[in-house]
């Protein structure tokens, strides 16, 4: 895999999804927090992956977790669970 642009790890936070390249293997993982050695603690999304940590240089891509807006009204025409009872 050719090296791409430099990944800025400052923008990676808990709950974000990252694409990790570890020992030639690509897998998606959710960031659980910062690791003790300066990398990231991750939870792989694939069942057959056992890696639980990723160094900053192993992160290939990053998708930020968007928080839900609280207190907003549902879209017009959307059925709520309250109406189902």
N, C-alpha and C. Protein backbone atom coordinates (compact mmCIF):
# COMPACT_ATOMS: atom_id res chain seq x y z
N UNK A 1 0.84 -1.17 0.00
CA UNK A 1 0.00 0.00 0.00
C UNK A 1 0.89 1.23 0.00
N UNK A 2 0.61 2.17 -0.88
CA UNK A 2 1.40 3.37 -0.98
C UNK A 2 1.07 4.31 0.17
N UNK A 3 2.09 5.00 0.68
CA UNK A 3 1.82 5.93 1.77
C UNK A 3 0.99 7.10 1.27
N UNK A 4 -0.01 7.46 2.03
CA UNK A 4 -0.89 8.56 1.67
C UNK A 4 -0.50 9.80 2.44
N UNK A 5 -1.40 10.75 2.48
CA UNK A 5 -1.12 11.96 3.26
C UNK A 5 -1.01 11.63 4.74
N UNK A 6 -0.34 12.49 5.46
CA UNK A 6 -0.12 12.27 6.89
C UNK A 6 -1.45 12.36 7.63
N UNK A 7 -1.71 11.36 8.48
CA UNK A 7 -2.94 11.33 9.27
C UNK A 7 -2.71 12.11 10.56
N UNK A 8 -3.57 13.07 10.83
CA UNK A 8 -3.50 13.85 12.07
C UNK A 8 -4.30 13.12 13.13
N UNK A 9 -3.64 12.62 14.15
CA UNK A 9 -4.33 11.85 15.18
C UNK A 9 -4.98 12.73 16.24
N UNK A 10 -4.72 14.02 16.19
CA UNK A 10 -5.35 14.93 17.15
C UNK A 10 -6.86 14.95 17.01
N UNK A 11 -7.36 14.67 15.81
CA UNK A 11 -8.79 14.73 15.56
C UNK A 11 -9.50 13.41 15.85
N UNK A 12 -8.76 12.38 16.28
CA UNK A 12 -9.36 11.08 16.57
C UNK A 12 -9.76 11.04 18.04
N UNK A 13 -11.04 10.73 18.28
CA UNK A 13 -11.57 10.71 19.64
C UNK A 13 -12.25 9.37 19.92
N UNK A 14 -12.59 9.15 21.17
CA UNK A 14 -13.29 7.94 21.58
C UNK A 14 -14.61 7.82 20.83
N UNK A 15 -14.90 6.62 20.32
CA UNK A 15 -16.13 6.38 19.59
C UNK A 15 -15.98 6.50 18.08
N UNK A 16 -14.88 7.07 17.60
CA UNK A 16 -14.67 7.21 16.17
C UNK A 16 -14.31 5.86 15.55
N UNK A 17 -14.54 5.74 14.25
CA UNK A 17 -14.18 4.53 13.51
C UNK A 17 -12.88 4.80 12.76
N UNK A 18 -11.94 3.86 12.83
CA UNK A 18 -10.66 3.99 12.12
C UNK A 18 -10.40 2.76 11.28
N UNK A 19 -9.65 2.94 10.21
CA UNK A 19 -9.16 1.84 9.39
C UNK A 19 -7.71 1.64 9.76
N UNK A 20 -7.37 0.44 10.24
CA UNK A 20 -6.04 0.15 10.76
C UNK A 20 -5.34 -0.82 9.82
N UNK A 21 -4.07 -0.56 9.54
CA UNK A 21 -3.24 -1.47 8.77
C UNK A 21 -2.15 -1.98 9.72
N UNK A 22 -2.34 -3.20 10.18
CA UNK A 22 -1.39 -3.79 11.13
C UNK A 22 -0.81 -5.05 10.56
N UNK A 23 0.50 -5.06 10.37
CA UNK A 23 1.23 -6.21 9.80
C UNK A 23 0.64 -6.64 8.46
N UNK A 24 0.25 -5.65 7.64
CA UNK A 24 -0.28 -5.93 6.32
C UNK A 24 -1.75 -6.29 6.29
N UNK A 25 -2.40 -6.28 7.43
CA UNK A 25 -3.82 -6.64 7.50
C UNK A 25 -4.65 -5.39 7.77
N UNK A 26 -5.67 -5.18 6.96
CA UNK A 26 -6.56 -4.03 7.12
C UNK A 26 -7.81 -4.44 7.89
N UNK A 27 -8.21 -3.65 8.87
CA UNK A 27 -9.44 -3.91 9.59
C UNK A 27 -10.00 -2.61 10.14
N UNK A 28 -11.32 -2.57 10.31
CA UNK A 28 -12.00 -1.42 10.89
C UNK A 28 -12.13 -1.64 12.39
N UNK A 29 -12.04 -0.54 13.15
CA UNK A 29 -12.15 -0.65 14.60
C UNK A 29 -12.75 0.64 15.15
N UNK A 30 -13.36 0.51 16.32
CA UNK A 30 -13.88 1.66 17.05
C UNK A 30 -12.84 2.03 18.11
N UNK A 31 -12.56 3.32 18.24
CA UNK A 31 -11.58 3.80 19.19
C UNK A 31 -12.18 3.77 20.59
N UNK A 32 -11.51 3.07 21.52
CA UNK A 32 -11.97 2.98 22.90
C UNK A 32 -11.31 4.03 23.79
N UNK A 33 -10.19 4.58 23.34
CA UNK A 33 -9.48 5.59 24.12
C UNK A 33 -8.02 5.63 23.75
N UNK A 34 -7.28 6.43 24.48
CA UNK A 34 -5.85 6.52 24.27
C UNK A 34 -5.15 5.38 25.00
N UNK A 35 -4.15 4.80 24.35
CA UNK A 35 -3.39 3.72 24.95
C UNK A 35 -2.33 4.25 25.88
N UNK A 36 -1.79 3.38 26.71
CA UNK A 36 -0.76 3.78 27.66
C UNK A 36 0.57 4.10 26.99
N UNK A 37 0.80 3.54 25.82
CA UNK A 37 2.08 3.73 25.13
C UNK A 37 2.01 4.82 24.06
N UNK A 38 0.94 5.59 24.02
CA UNK A 38 0.82 6.68 23.06
C UNK A 38 -0.02 6.35 21.85
N UNK A 39 -0.41 5.10 21.67
CA UNK A 39 -1.27 4.72 20.56
C UNK A 39 -2.73 4.84 20.96
N UNK A 40 -3.54 3.96 20.38
CA UNK A 40 -4.97 3.97 20.66
C UNK A 40 -5.43 2.57 21.08
N UNK A 41 -6.32 2.53 22.06
CA UNK A 41 -7.01 1.29 22.39
C UNK A 41 -8.18 1.18 21.44
N UNK A 42 -8.30 0.06 20.74
CA UNK A 42 -9.35 -0.10 19.74
C UNK A 42 -10.13 -1.38 19.99
N UNK A 43 -11.36 -1.41 19.48
CA UNK A 43 -12.21 -2.59 19.51
C UNK A 43 -12.52 -2.93 18.05
N UNK A 44 -11.96 -4.03 17.53
CA UNK A 44 -12.18 -4.38 16.12
C UNK A 44 -13.65 -4.65 15.83
N UNK A 45 -14.10 -4.24 14.64
CA UNK A 45 -15.48 -4.49 14.24
C UNK A 45 -15.64 -5.87 13.61
N UNK A 46 -14.55 -6.44 13.12
CA UNK A 46 -14.58 -7.79 12.56
C UNK A 46 -14.31 -8.81 13.67
N UNK A 47 -14.98 -9.93 13.60
CA UNK A 47 -14.85 -10.95 14.66
C UNK A 47 -13.50 -11.66 14.65
N UNK A 48 -12.88 -11.80 13.49
CA UNK A 48 -11.67 -12.60 13.38
C UNK A 48 -10.40 -11.79 13.62
N UNK A 49 -10.49 -10.60 14.18
CA UNK A 49 -9.33 -9.76 14.48
C UNK A 49 -9.17 -9.70 15.99
N UNK A 50 -7.95 -9.93 16.47
CA UNK A 50 -7.72 -9.93 17.91
C UNK A 50 -6.89 -8.75 18.39
N UNK A 51 -6.46 -7.88 17.50
CA UNK A 51 -5.65 -6.72 17.91
C UNK A 51 -6.51 -5.75 18.71
N UNK A 52 -5.97 -5.27 19.82
CA UNK A 52 -6.70 -4.35 20.68
C UNK A 52 -6.01 -2.99 20.81
N UNK A 53 -4.86 -2.83 20.17
CA UNK A 53 -4.15 -1.57 20.20
C UNK A 53 -3.64 -1.25 18.80
N UNK A 54 -3.55 0.04 18.51
CA UNK A 54 -3.05 0.49 17.22
C UNK A 54 -2.17 1.71 17.44
N UNK A 55 -1.00 1.69 16.82
CA UNK A 55 -0.12 2.85 16.88
C UNK A 55 -0.63 3.91 15.92
N UNK A 56 -0.23 5.13 16.13
CA UNK A 56 -0.68 6.23 15.29
C UNK A 56 -0.28 6.01 13.83
N UNK A 57 0.88 5.44 13.58
CA UNK A 57 1.35 5.22 12.21
C UNK A 57 0.56 4.11 11.50
N UNK A 58 -0.18 3.29 12.25
CA UNK A 58 -0.96 2.20 11.66
C UNK A 58 -2.36 2.64 11.23
N UNK A 59 -2.77 3.82 11.60
CA UNK A 59 -4.11 4.31 11.25
C UNK A 59 -4.08 4.89 9.84
N UNK A 60 -4.89 4.30 8.97
CA UNK A 60 -4.89 4.68 7.56
C UNK A 60 -5.99 5.70 7.26
N UNK A 61 -7.16 5.53 7.86
CA UNK A 61 -8.29 6.42 7.60
C UNK A 61 -9.11 6.58 8.88
N UNK A 62 -9.95 7.60 8.89
CA UNK A 62 -10.67 7.95 10.12
C UNK A 62 -12.04 8.52 9.77
N UNK A 63 -13.07 8.07 10.49
CA UNK A 63 -14.42 8.60 10.35
C UNK A 63 -14.87 9.06 11.73
N UNK A 64 -15.23 10.32 11.84
CA UNK A 64 -15.64 10.88 13.12
C UNK A 64 -17.05 10.43 13.48
N UNK A 65 -17.27 10.18 14.75
CA UNK A 65 -18.59 9.82 15.26
C UNK A 65 -19.37 11.10 15.49
N UNK A 66 -20.48 11.23 14.82
CA UNK A 66 -21.32 12.43 14.97
C UNK A 66 -22.33 12.19 16.08
N UNK A 67 -22.34 13.05 17.07
CA UNK A 67 -23.27 12.92 18.18
C UNK A 67 -24.67 13.34 17.73
N UNK A 68 -25.66 12.71 18.30
CA UNK A 68 -27.05 13.07 17.99
C UNK A 68 -27.39 14.40 18.62
N UNK A 69 -28.26 15.12 17.94
CA UNK A 69 -28.76 16.36 18.51
C UNK A 69 -29.79 16.01 19.57
N UNK A 70 -29.65 16.59 20.73
CA UNK A 70 -30.61 16.32 21.80
C UNK A 70 -31.67 17.39 21.83
N UNK A 71 -32.89 17.00 22.12
CA UNK A 71 -33.98 17.95 22.23
C UNK A 71 -34.60 18.35 20.91
N UNK A 72 -34.16 17.77 19.82
CA UNK A 72 -34.75 18.16 18.54
C UNK A 72 -36.01 17.34 18.27
N UNK A 73 -36.91 17.91 17.54
CA UNK A 73 -38.16 17.25 17.19
C UNK A 73 -37.93 16.28 16.05
N UNK A 74 -38.65 15.15 16.01
CA UNK A 74 -38.50 14.23 14.89
C UNK A 74 -39.01 14.86 13.59
N UNK A 75 -38.56 14.34 12.48
CA UNK A 75 -38.97 14.87 11.19
C UNK A 75 -40.48 14.72 11.00
N UNK A 76 -41.06 15.61 10.21
CA UNK A 76 -42.50 15.57 9.96
C UNK A 76 -42.87 14.25 9.28
N UNK A 77 -43.89 13.59 9.79
CA UNK A 77 -44.32 12.33 9.23
C UNK A 77 -43.64 11.10 9.82
N UNK A 78 -42.66 11.30 10.69
CA UNK A 78 -41.99 10.18 11.32
C UNK A 78 -42.80 9.68 12.50
N UNK A 79 -43.03 8.39 12.57
CA UNK A 79 -43.82 7.79 13.63
C UNK A 79 -42.94 7.56 14.86
N UNK A 80 -43.40 7.94 16.03
CA UNK A 80 -42.65 7.68 17.25
C UNK A 80 -43.12 6.39 17.89
N UNK A 81 -42.36 5.88 18.80
CA UNK A 81 -42.73 4.66 19.50
C UNK A 81 -43.97 4.87 20.39
N UNK A 82 -44.20 6.09 20.82
CA UNK A 82 -45.36 6.40 21.65
C UNK A 82 -46.66 6.16 20.88
N UNK A 83 -46.63 6.39 19.57
CA UNK A 83 -47.84 6.21 18.75
C UNK A 83 -48.14 4.74 18.49
N UNK A 84 -47.21 3.85 18.73
CA UNK A 84 -47.40 2.43 18.44
C UNK A 84 -48.18 1.70 19.52
N UNK A 85 -48.32 2.26 20.69
CA UNK A 85 -49.01 1.60 21.79
C UNK A 85 -50.49 1.63 21.68
